[in-house]
N, C-alpha and C. Protein backbone atom coordinates (compact mmCIF):
# COMPACT_ATOMS: atom_id res chain seq x y z
N MET A 1 21.10 -65.17 -52.01
CA MET A 1 20.75 -65.19 -50.96
C MET A 1 20.11 -63.68 -51.44
N SER A 2 18.59 -63.47 -50.39
CA SER A 2 18.07 -62.29 -50.99
C SER A 2 18.02 -61.29 -50.30
N ASN A 3 17.81 -60.30 -50.41
CA ASN A 3 18.32 -59.04 -49.76
C ASN A 3 16.84 -58.55 -49.11
N TYR A 4 16.18 -59.45 -49.43
CA TYR A 4 14.72 -59.03 -48.36
C TYR A 4 13.97 -59.53 -47.63
N ARG A 5 13.78 -59.34 -46.48
CA ARG A 5 13.27 -59.85 -44.88
C ARG A 5 12.33 -59.60 -44.22
N LYS A 6 11.57 -60.44 -43.75
CA LYS A 6 10.50 -59.59 -42.89
C LYS A 6 11.63 -59.33 -41.21
N THR A 7 11.24 -58.28 -40.70
CA THR A 7 11.84 -57.94 -39.24
C THR A 7 10.75 -57.80 -38.25
N PRO A 8 11.26 -57.52 -37.15
CA PRO A 8 10.29 -56.84 -36.19
C PRO A 8 10.10 -55.50 -36.64
N GLU A 9 10.84 -54.68 -37.37
CA GLU A 9 10.89 -53.09 -37.65
C GLU A 9 9.73 -53.42 -38.10
N ALA A 10 10.02 -53.80 -39.16
CA ALA A 10 9.15 -53.70 -40.62
C ALA A 10 7.11 -53.88 -39.75
N VAL A 11 7.42 -55.16 -39.15
CA VAL A 11 6.23 -55.21 -39.17
C VAL A 11 5.14 -54.22 -37.67
N ALA A 12 6.41 -53.10 -37.07
CA ALA A 12 5.71 -52.71 -35.63
C ALA A 12 5.63 -51.65 -36.86
N ARG A 13 6.22 -51.24 -38.19
CA ARG A 13 5.87 -49.66 -38.51
C ARG A 13 4.16 -50.16 -39.49
N LEU A 14 4.12 -51.66 -39.58
CA LEU A 14 2.44 -51.66 -40.67
C LEU A 14 1.72 -50.83 -39.83
N THR A 15 0.87 -50.16 -40.88
CA THR A 15 -0.35 -49.93 -40.25
C THR A 15 -1.90 -51.05 -39.66
N PRO A 16 -2.63 -50.18 -38.59
CA PRO A 16 -3.41 -51.88 -38.17
C PRO A 16 -4.09 -52.75 -39.76
N GLU A 17 -4.77 -51.92 -40.74
CA GLU A 17 -5.26 -52.92 -41.79
C GLU A 17 -3.71 -53.71 -42.47
N GLN A 18 -2.83 -52.80 -42.76
CA GLN A 18 -1.62 -53.66 -42.93
C GLN A 18 -1.57 -54.80 -42.42
N PHE A 19 -1.15 -54.88 -41.04
CA PHE A 19 -0.85 -55.57 -40.52
C PHE A 19 -1.88 -57.05 -40.17
N ARG A 20 -3.14 -56.51 -40.26
CA ARG A 20 -4.49 -58.01 -40.40
C ARG A 20 -4.19 -58.85 -41.52
N VAL A 21 -3.61 -57.69 -43.34
CA VAL A 21 -3.80 -58.14 -44.29
C VAL A 21 -2.31 -59.27 -44.18
N THR A 22 -1.34 -59.16 -44.15
CA THR A 22 -0.37 -59.18 -44.40
C THR A 22 0.10 -60.17 -43.49
N GLN A 23 -0.40 -60.22 -42.19
CA GLN A 23 0.25 -61.01 -40.72
C GLN A 23 -0.50 -61.74 -40.29
N GLN A 24 -2.09 -61.62 -40.76
CA GLN A 24 -3.47 -62.17 -39.74
C GLN A 24 -3.92 -63.02 -41.40
N ALA A 25 -4.11 -62.77 -42.69
CA ALA A 25 -4.63 -63.21 -43.75
C ALA A 25 -5.93 -62.74 -44.12
N ALA A 26 -5.86 -61.20 -43.21
CA ALA A 26 -7.19 -60.61 -43.88
C ALA A 26 -7.43 -60.14 -44.97
N THR A 27 -8.36 -59.22 -45.76
CA THR A 27 -9.14 -59.24 -47.20
C THR A 27 -9.52 -57.55 -46.49
N GLU A 28 -8.59 -57.09 -47.71
CA GLU A 28 -9.46 -54.99 -47.18
C GLU A 28 -10.55 -55.49 -48.12
N ARG A 29 -11.29 -53.91 -47.88
CA ARG A 29 -12.69 -53.94 -48.75
C ARG A 29 -12.21 -54.17 -50.22
N PRO A 30 -12.88 -54.34 -51.15
CA PRO A 30 -12.86 -53.94 -52.26
C PRO A 30 -13.40 -52.90 -52.62
N PHE A 31 -12.67 -52.19 -53.52
CA PHE A 31 -12.84 -50.64 -54.15
C PHE A 31 -12.10 -49.57 -53.55
N ASP A 32 -12.47 -50.00 -52.59
CA ASP A 32 -11.96 -48.63 -50.72
C ASP A 32 -10.50 -49.10 -50.53
N ASN A 33 -9.76 -48.96 -51.45
CA ASN A 33 -8.21 -49.78 -51.47
C ASN A 33 -7.68 -48.54 -52.39
N LEU A 34 -6.06 -48.04 -51.50
CA LEU A 34 -5.15 -47.52 -52.38
C LEU A 34 -4.67 -47.68 -54.10
N TYR A 35 -4.39 -49.27 -54.14
CA TYR A 35 -4.42 -49.18 -55.28
C TYR A 35 -4.69 -49.67 -56.86
N ASN A 36 -6.11 -49.99 -56.28
CA ASN A 36 -6.92 -50.84 -57.47
C ASN A 36 -7.36 -49.92 -58.64
N ALA A 37 -7.65 -48.58 -58.43
CA ALA A 37 -7.65 -47.22 -59.63
C ALA A 37 -5.99 -46.67 -59.45
N ASN A 38 -5.02 -47.32 -59.40
CA ASN A 38 -3.57 -46.40 -59.61
C ASN A 38 -3.03 -47.40 -60.97
N GLN A 39 -3.08 -46.72 -61.68
CA GLN A 39 -2.57 -46.58 -63.30
C GLN A 39 -1.13 -45.43 -63.80
N ALA A 40 -0.77 -45.43 -62.44
CA ALA A 40 0.82 -44.50 -63.12
C ALA A 40 1.47 -45.52 -63.27
N PRO A 41 2.64 -45.63 -64.13
CA PRO A 41 3.32 -46.89 -64.16
C PRO A 41 4.68 -46.84 -63.20
N GLY A 42 4.65 -48.07 -62.69
CA GLY A 42 5.90 -48.53 -61.05
C GLY A 42 6.12 -49.91 -60.70
N LEU A 43 6.69 -49.87 -59.77
CA LEU A 43 6.78 -51.27 -59.39
C LEU A 43 5.85 -51.05 -57.91
N TYR A 44 5.06 -52.49 -57.56
CA TYR A 44 4.31 -52.76 -56.59
C TYR A 44 5.44 -53.81 -55.54
N VAL A 45 5.96 -53.34 -54.33
CA VAL A 45 7.26 -54.36 -53.76
C VAL A 45 5.83 -54.41 -52.42
N ASP A 46 6.34 -55.79 -51.61
CA ASP A 46 5.86 -55.88 -50.17
C ASP A 46 6.25 -55.04 -49.32
N ILE A 47 4.60 -55.07 -48.68
CA ILE A 47 4.61 -53.72 -47.29
C ILE A 47 5.80 -53.94 -46.52
N VAL A 48 6.02 -55.11 -46.64
CA VAL A 48 6.81 -55.82 -45.08
C VAL A 48 8.21 -56.01 -45.29
N SER A 49 8.83 -56.98 -47.17
CA SER A 49 9.88 -57.15 -46.70
C SER A 49 10.93 -56.26 -48.10
N GLY A 50 9.72 -55.54 -48.71
CA GLY A 50 10.50 -55.11 -49.64
C GLY A 50 10.34 -55.53 -51.22
N GLU A 51 10.49 -56.80 -50.93
CA GLU A 51 10.54 -57.35 -51.77
C GLU A 51 9.56 -56.95 -53.28
N PRO A 52 10.41 -57.08 -54.63
CA PRO A 52 9.08 -56.91 -56.06
C PRO A 52 8.39 -57.98 -56.17
N LEU A 53 7.10 -57.64 -55.72
CA LEU A 53 6.09 -58.46 -56.74
C LEU A 53 5.27 -58.41 -58.11
N PHE A 54 4.89 -57.31 -58.60
CA PHE A 54 4.10 -57.17 -59.53
C PHE A 54 4.75 -55.51 -59.78
N THR A 55 4.13 -55.43 -61.56
CA THR A 55 4.19 -54.20 -61.62
C THR A 55 3.21 -53.23 -62.40
N SER A 56 3.18 -52.59 -62.82
CA SER A 56 1.99 -51.71 -63.69
C SER A 56 1.67 -52.59 -65.17
N LEU A 57 2.19 -52.71 -65.44
CA LEU A 57 2.89 -53.70 -67.18
C LEU A 57 1.94 -54.35 -67.24
N ASP A 58 1.76 -55.08 -65.76
CA ASP A 58 0.70 -56.58 -65.70
C ASP A 58 -0.46 -56.06 -65.03
N LYS A 59 -0.90 -54.95 -64.95
CA LYS A 59 -2.07 -54.64 -64.14
C LYS A 59 -2.79 -54.67 -64.53
N PHE A 60 -4.25 -55.03 -65.06
CA PHE A 60 -5.34 -54.94 -65.32
C PHE A 60 -6.32 -54.84 -64.67
N GLU A 61 -7.49 -53.82 -65.59
CA GLU A 61 -9.01 -53.40 -64.76
C GLU A 61 -9.51 -55.12 -64.49
N SER A 62 -9.91 -55.90 -63.85
CA SER A 62 -10.76 -56.64 -63.42
C SER A 62 -12.50 -56.89 -63.15
N ALA A 63 -12.58 -55.35 -62.51
CA ALA A 63 -13.08 -54.98 -61.39
C ALA A 63 -14.24 -55.88 -60.64
N CYS A 64 -12.93 -56.46 -60.09
CA CYS A 64 -13.03 -56.60 -58.55
C CYS A 64 -12.89 -56.68 -57.56
N GLY A 65 -12.49 -55.28 -57.70
CA GLY A 65 -12.21 -54.21 -56.42
C GLY A 65 -10.86 -54.44 -55.71
N TRP A 66 -10.10 -54.68 -56.14
CA TRP A 66 -8.69 -54.90 -55.80
C TRP A 66 -7.79 -54.72 -56.81
N PRO A 67 -6.67 -54.14 -56.49
CA PRO A 67 -5.45 -54.17 -57.72
C PRO A 67 -5.71 -55.66 -58.60
N SER A 68 -5.11 -56.22 -59.51
CA SER A 68 -5.09 -57.28 -60.45
C SER A 68 -4.20 -57.33 -61.32
N PHE A 69 -3.63 -58.54 -61.45
CA PHE A 69 -2.09 -58.36 -62.19
C PHE A 69 -2.38 -60.06 -63.12
N THR A 70 -1.48 -59.92 -63.89
CA THR A 70 -1.48 -61.01 -64.85
C THR A 70 -0.03 -62.09 -64.30
N ARG A 71 0.73 -61.55 -63.90
CA ARG A 71 1.73 -62.69 -63.73
C ARG A 71 2.47 -61.40 -62.58
N PRO A 72 3.57 -62.23 -61.63
CA PRO A 72 4.28 -61.52 -60.81
C PRO A 72 5.44 -61.35 -61.38
N VAL A 73 6.42 -60.12 -61.23
CA VAL A 73 7.81 -59.58 -61.81
C VAL A 73 8.69 -60.90 -61.92
N GLN A 74 8.53 -61.11 -60.62
CA GLN A 74 9.57 -62.35 -60.49
C GLN A 74 8.79 -63.34 -59.25
N ASN A 75 8.69 -65.02 -60.65
CA ASN A 75 8.02 -65.57 -60.05
C ASN A 75 8.82 -66.08 -58.55
N GLU A 76 10.10 -66.06 -58.14
CA GLU A 76 10.38 -66.49 -57.22
C GLU A 76 10.13 -66.02 -55.68
N HIS A 77 9.53 -64.81 -56.40
CA HIS A 77 9.34 -64.04 -55.22
C HIS A 77 7.71 -63.99 -54.46
N VAL A 78 6.58 -64.78 -55.26
CA VAL A 78 5.69 -65.67 -55.25
C VAL A 78 5.39 -66.51 -54.60
N ILE A 79 4.72 -66.91 -53.50
CA ILE A 79 4.44 -67.82 -53.06
C ILE A 79 2.95 -68.75 -53.49
N GLU A 80 2.46 -69.82 -54.01
CA GLU A 80 1.49 -70.54 -53.60
C GLU A 80 0.80 -71.24 -52.65
N ASN A 81 0.41 -71.16 -52.16
CA ASN A 81 -0.49 -72.08 -51.15
C ASN A 81 -1.88 -72.54 -51.18
N HIS A 82 -2.40 -74.12 -51.70
CA HIS A 82 -4.06 -73.95 -50.76
C HIS A 82 -4.60 -72.99 -50.17
N ASP A 83 -5.89 -73.32 -50.10
CA ASP A 83 -6.25 -71.97 -49.07
C ASP A 83 -8.17 -72.69 -49.50
N ASP A 84 -8.06 -73.37 -47.97
CA ASP A 84 -9.96 -73.86 -48.25
C ASP A 84 -10.32 -73.35 -47.31
N SER A 85 -10.11 -71.95 -46.96
CA SER A 85 -10.64 -71.60 -45.93
C SER A 85 -12.34 -71.15 -46.87
N LEU A 86 -12.97 -70.60 -45.45
CA LEU A 86 -14.30 -69.83 -46.39
C LEU A 86 -15.05 -70.87 -46.85
N GLY A 87 -14.57 -71.94 -46.91
CA GLY A 87 -15.67 -73.26 -47.24
C GLY A 87 -15.49 -73.09 -48.99
N MET A 88 -14.60 -72.55 -49.35
CA MET A 88 -13.86 -72.97 -51.12
C MET A 88 -12.82 -73.52 -51.28
N ALA A 89 -12.25 -73.97 -52.61
CA ALA A 89 -10.90 -74.14 -52.29
C ALA A 89 -10.19 -72.77 -53.90
N ARG A 90 -9.37 -72.29 -52.96
CA ARG A 90 -8.67 -70.93 -53.43
C ARG A 90 -7.19 -71.40 -53.04
N THR A 91 -6.75 -70.37 -54.05
CA THR A 91 -4.61 -70.50 -54.06
C THR A 91 -4.57 -68.93 -53.69
N GLU A 92 -4.09 -68.89 -52.24
CA GLU A 92 -3.79 -67.88 -51.77
C GLU A 92 -2.17 -67.82 -52.07
N VAL A 93 -1.58 -66.18 -52.68
CA VAL A 93 -0.43 -65.89 -52.73
C VAL A 93 0.12 -65.34 -51.68
N ARG A 94 0.93 -65.61 -51.18
CA ARG A 94 2.15 -64.86 -50.49
C ARG A 94 4.01 -64.39 -50.46
N SER A 95 4.25 -63.72 -49.94
CA SER A 95 5.46 -63.25 -50.62
C SER A 95 6.36 -64.20 -49.99
N ARG A 96 7.71 -64.61 -51.00
CA ARG A 96 8.49 -65.43 -50.14
C ARG A 96 9.24 -64.78 -48.69
N ASP A 97 10.00 -64.03 -48.97
CA ASP A 97 10.77 -63.60 -47.30
C ASP A 97 9.92 -62.86 -46.63
N GLY A 98 9.09 -61.75 -47.06
CA GLY A 98 8.33 -61.50 -45.99
C GLY A 98 7.19 -62.29 -45.65
N ASP A 99 6.94 -63.60 -45.92
CA ASP A 99 5.77 -64.15 -46.03
C ASP A 99 4.77 -63.39 -46.07
N SER A 100 3.90 -62.75 -46.09
CA SER A 100 3.04 -61.74 -45.85
C SER A 100 1.69 -62.49 -47.23
N HIS A 101 0.75 -61.90 -46.34
CA HIS A 101 -0.69 -62.70 -47.37
C HIS A 101 -0.84 -61.42 -48.50
N LEU A 102 -0.57 -62.17 -49.34
CA LEU A 102 -1.18 -60.81 -50.87
C LEU A 102 -2.32 -60.84 -50.91
N GLY A 103 -3.13 -62.34 -51.63
CA GLY A 103 -3.82 -62.15 -52.04
C GLY A 103 -4.48 -63.56 -52.07
N HIS A 104 -4.85 -63.78 -53.71
CA HIS A 104 -5.48 -65.09 -54.02
C HIS A 104 -5.03 -65.53 -55.67
N VAL A 105 -4.60 -66.12 -56.03
CA VAL A 105 -4.80 -66.01 -57.69
C VAL A 105 -5.69 -66.81 -58.18
N PHE A 106 -6.53 -66.39 -59.49
CA PHE A 106 -7.82 -67.44 -60.00
C PHE A 106 -7.42 -67.78 -61.50
N PRO A 107 -8.05 -68.65 -61.86
CA PRO A 107 -7.60 -68.55 -63.45
C PRO A 107 -8.74 -67.95 -64.42
N ASP A 108 -8.86 -66.62 -64.01
CA ASP A 108 -9.92 -66.12 -64.67
C ASP A 108 -9.85 -65.05 -65.24
N GLY A 109 -7.89 -64.69 -65.40
CA GLY A 109 -7.54 -63.46 -66.15
C GLY A 109 -7.69 -63.33 -67.35
N PRO A 110 -6.70 -62.56 -68.25
CA PRO A 110 -7.11 -62.41 -69.67
C PRO A 110 -6.43 -63.50 -70.24
N ARG A 111 -6.90 -64.33 -70.94
CA ARG A 111 -6.10 -65.32 -71.69
C ARG A 111 -5.19 -64.91 -72.83
N ALA A 112 -5.26 -64.25 -73.57
CA ALA A 112 -3.72 -63.39 -74.17
C ALA A 112 -2.36 -63.31 -73.25
N SER A 113 -2.82 -63.05 -71.76
CA SER A 113 -1.96 -63.16 -70.75
C SER A 113 -1.39 -64.12 -70.27
N GLY A 114 -1.64 -65.65 -70.61
CA GLY A 114 -1.68 -66.28 -69.39
C GLY A 114 -3.06 -66.64 -68.88
N GLY A 115 -3.92 -66.14 -68.54
CA GLY A 115 -5.19 -66.73 -68.15
C GLY A 115 -5.36 -66.40 -66.86
N ARG A 116 -4.22 -66.24 -65.97
CA ARG A 116 -4.38 -65.91 -64.58
C ARG A 116 -4.66 -64.49 -64.19
N ARG A 117 -5.32 -64.65 -62.54
CA ARG A 117 -5.28 -63.32 -62.16
C ARG A 117 -5.04 -63.18 -61.25
N TYR A 118 -4.07 -62.46 -60.67
CA TYR A 118 -3.59 -62.31 -58.90
C TYR A 118 -4.22 -61.30 -58.54
N CYS A 119 -5.02 -61.52 -57.40
CA CYS A 119 -6.04 -60.11 -57.05
C CYS A 119 -5.30 -60.07 -55.86
N ILE A 120 -5.08 -58.68 -55.79
CA ILE A 120 -3.89 -58.74 -54.34
C ILE A 120 -4.47 -57.32 -53.59
N ASN A 121 -4.46 -57.45 -52.48
CA ASN A 121 -4.59 -56.35 -51.45
C ASN A 121 -3.31 -55.08 -51.63
N SER A 122 -4.51 -53.97 -51.71
CA SER A 122 -3.27 -52.81 -51.91
C SER A 122 -2.53 -52.77 -50.30
N ALA A 123 -3.14 -53.22 -49.56
CA ALA A 123 -2.50 -53.09 -47.64
C ALA A 123 -1.40 -54.11 -47.72
N SER A 124 -1.22 -54.77 -48.50
CA SER A 124 0.16 -55.86 -48.70
C SER A 124 1.13 -55.20 -49.45
N LEU A 125 1.04 -53.83 -50.13
CA LEU A 125 2.15 -53.60 -50.93
C LEU A 125 2.38 -52.21 -50.87
N ARG A 126 3.44 -51.91 -51.42
CA ARG A 126 4.20 -50.54 -51.90
C ARG A 126 4.26 -50.36 -52.64
N PHE A 127 3.87 -49.31 -53.61
CA PHE A 127 4.16 -48.47 -54.75
C PHE A 127 5.17 -48.51 -55.21
N ILE A 128 5.97 -48.44 -56.20
CA ILE A 128 7.33 -47.36 -56.28
C ILE A 128 7.36 -46.89 -57.65
N ARG A 129 7.19 -45.80 -57.88
CA ARG A 129 6.79 -44.86 -59.45
C ARG A 129 8.30 -44.81 -60.15
N VAL A 130 8.00 -45.18 -61.56
CA VAL A 130 9.20 -45.58 -62.67
C VAL A 130 10.04 -44.38 -62.44
N ASP A 131 10.37 -43.57 -62.44
CA ASP A 131 10.73 -42.27 -61.73
C ASP A 131 11.50 -42.06 -60.11
N GLN A 132 11.29 -43.30 -59.61
CA GLN A 132 11.70 -43.05 -58.12
C GLN A 132 12.51 -44.64 -58.00
N LEU A 133 12.50 -45.33 -58.76
CA LEU A 133 13.03 -46.88 -58.80
C LEU A 133 14.81 -46.62 -58.44
N GLU A 134 15.46 -46.07 -58.85
CA GLU A 134 16.89 -45.99 -58.73
C GLU A 134 17.10 -45.21 -57.43
N SER A 135 16.40 -44.43 -56.94
CA SER A 135 16.31 -43.73 -55.44
C SER A 135 16.08 -44.71 -54.34
N GLU A 136 15.29 -45.29 -54.70
CA GLU A 136 14.52 -47.02 -53.38
C GLU A 136 15.36 -48.09 -53.60
N GLY A 137 16.31 -48.02 -54.67
CA GLY A 137 17.06 -49.02 -54.91
C GLY A 137 16.47 -50.44 -55.97
N TYR A 138 15.56 -50.12 -56.50
CA TYR A 138 15.17 -51.05 -57.38
C TYR A 138 15.56 -50.56 -58.73
N GLY A 139 16.65 -49.92 -59.42
CA GLY A 139 16.66 -48.78 -61.01
C GLY A 139 17.32 -50.42 -61.51
N GLU A 140 17.47 -51.46 -61.19
CA GLU A 140 16.92 -52.56 -62.35
C GLU A 140 15.72 -52.56 -62.76
N TYR A 141 14.85 -52.49 -61.93
CA TYR A 141 13.91 -52.54 -62.64
C TYR A 141 13.03 -51.78 -63.97
N ARG A 142 14.20 -51.26 -64.43
CA ARG A 142 13.73 -49.21 -64.76
C ARG A 142 13.58 -50.05 -66.29
N LYS A 143 14.57 -50.97 -67.08
CA LYS A 143 14.31 -51.43 -67.67
C LYS A 143 13.09 -52.78 -68.19
N LEU A 144 12.58 -52.67 -67.57
CA LEU A 144 10.87 -53.21 -68.27
C LEU A 144 10.27 -52.09 -68.50
N PHE A 145 10.39 -50.90 -67.96
CA PHE A 145 9.16 -49.78 -68.33
C PHE A 145 9.68 -49.28 -69.54
N ASP A 146 11.54 -48.95 -69.48
CA ASP A 146 11.94 -48.25 -70.91
C ASP A 146 11.93 -49.50 -72.22
N ALA A 147 11.58 -50.87 -72.16
CA ALA A 147 11.61 -52.17 -73.53
C ALA A 147 10.24 -51.81 -73.19
N ASP A 148 9.09 -51.21 -72.52
CA ASP A 148 7.92 -51.15 -72.79
C ASP A 148 7.69 -50.07 -73.42
N GLN A 149 7.85 -49.08 -73.41
CA GLN A 149 7.74 -47.77 -74.00
C GLN A 149 8.56 -47.65 -75.59
N GLN A 150 9.71 -48.49 -75.45
CA GLN A 150 10.29 -49.03 -77.28
C GLN A 150 9.55 -49.60 -77.54
N GLU A 151 8.53 -50.23 -77.68
CA GLU A 151 7.94 -51.87 -78.03
C GLU A 151 7.01 -50.27 -78.07
N SER A 152 6.02 -49.55 -77.42
CA SER A 152 4.84 -48.74 -77.33
C SER A 152 5.37 -47.76 -79.08
N ALA A 153 6.07 -47.24 -78.98
CA ALA A 153 6.97 -46.47 -79.93
C ALA A 153 7.44 -47.27 -81.27
N SER A 154 7.19 -48.56 -81.52
CA SER A 154 6.95 -49.36 -82.66
C SER A 154 5.84 -49.91 -83.32
């Protein structure tokens, strides 16, 4: 059983933009969003449920105007659905427990990292810096960043 869930209180705390994106499947403006240019190390979680979605370790610059990731931190927290709105076939990405619209996934990501680009709305995310993982209840994810530091040092 997951500790993450969508509650009326969490939805009520959303800004109008966060509500539009997560609850009505809208898309925020490209380049004019909170995390597109964020380069700090940390974990991105669902703004509604808090479930862990992506890490800065898998974030890359795609020049699309939204934060882009090569993969979710845990596949079970991300659901992919066929989306043929706007007259094109796409794959929508939603959080499993929060049922938040996150964005879309495309097959044009870095080949060396699997070839996928998760194009995610900043409005659907909350960022937790590495030094805040323990205090925010995500201490188990700290090891991902410690392992990356050890690999960088070798």
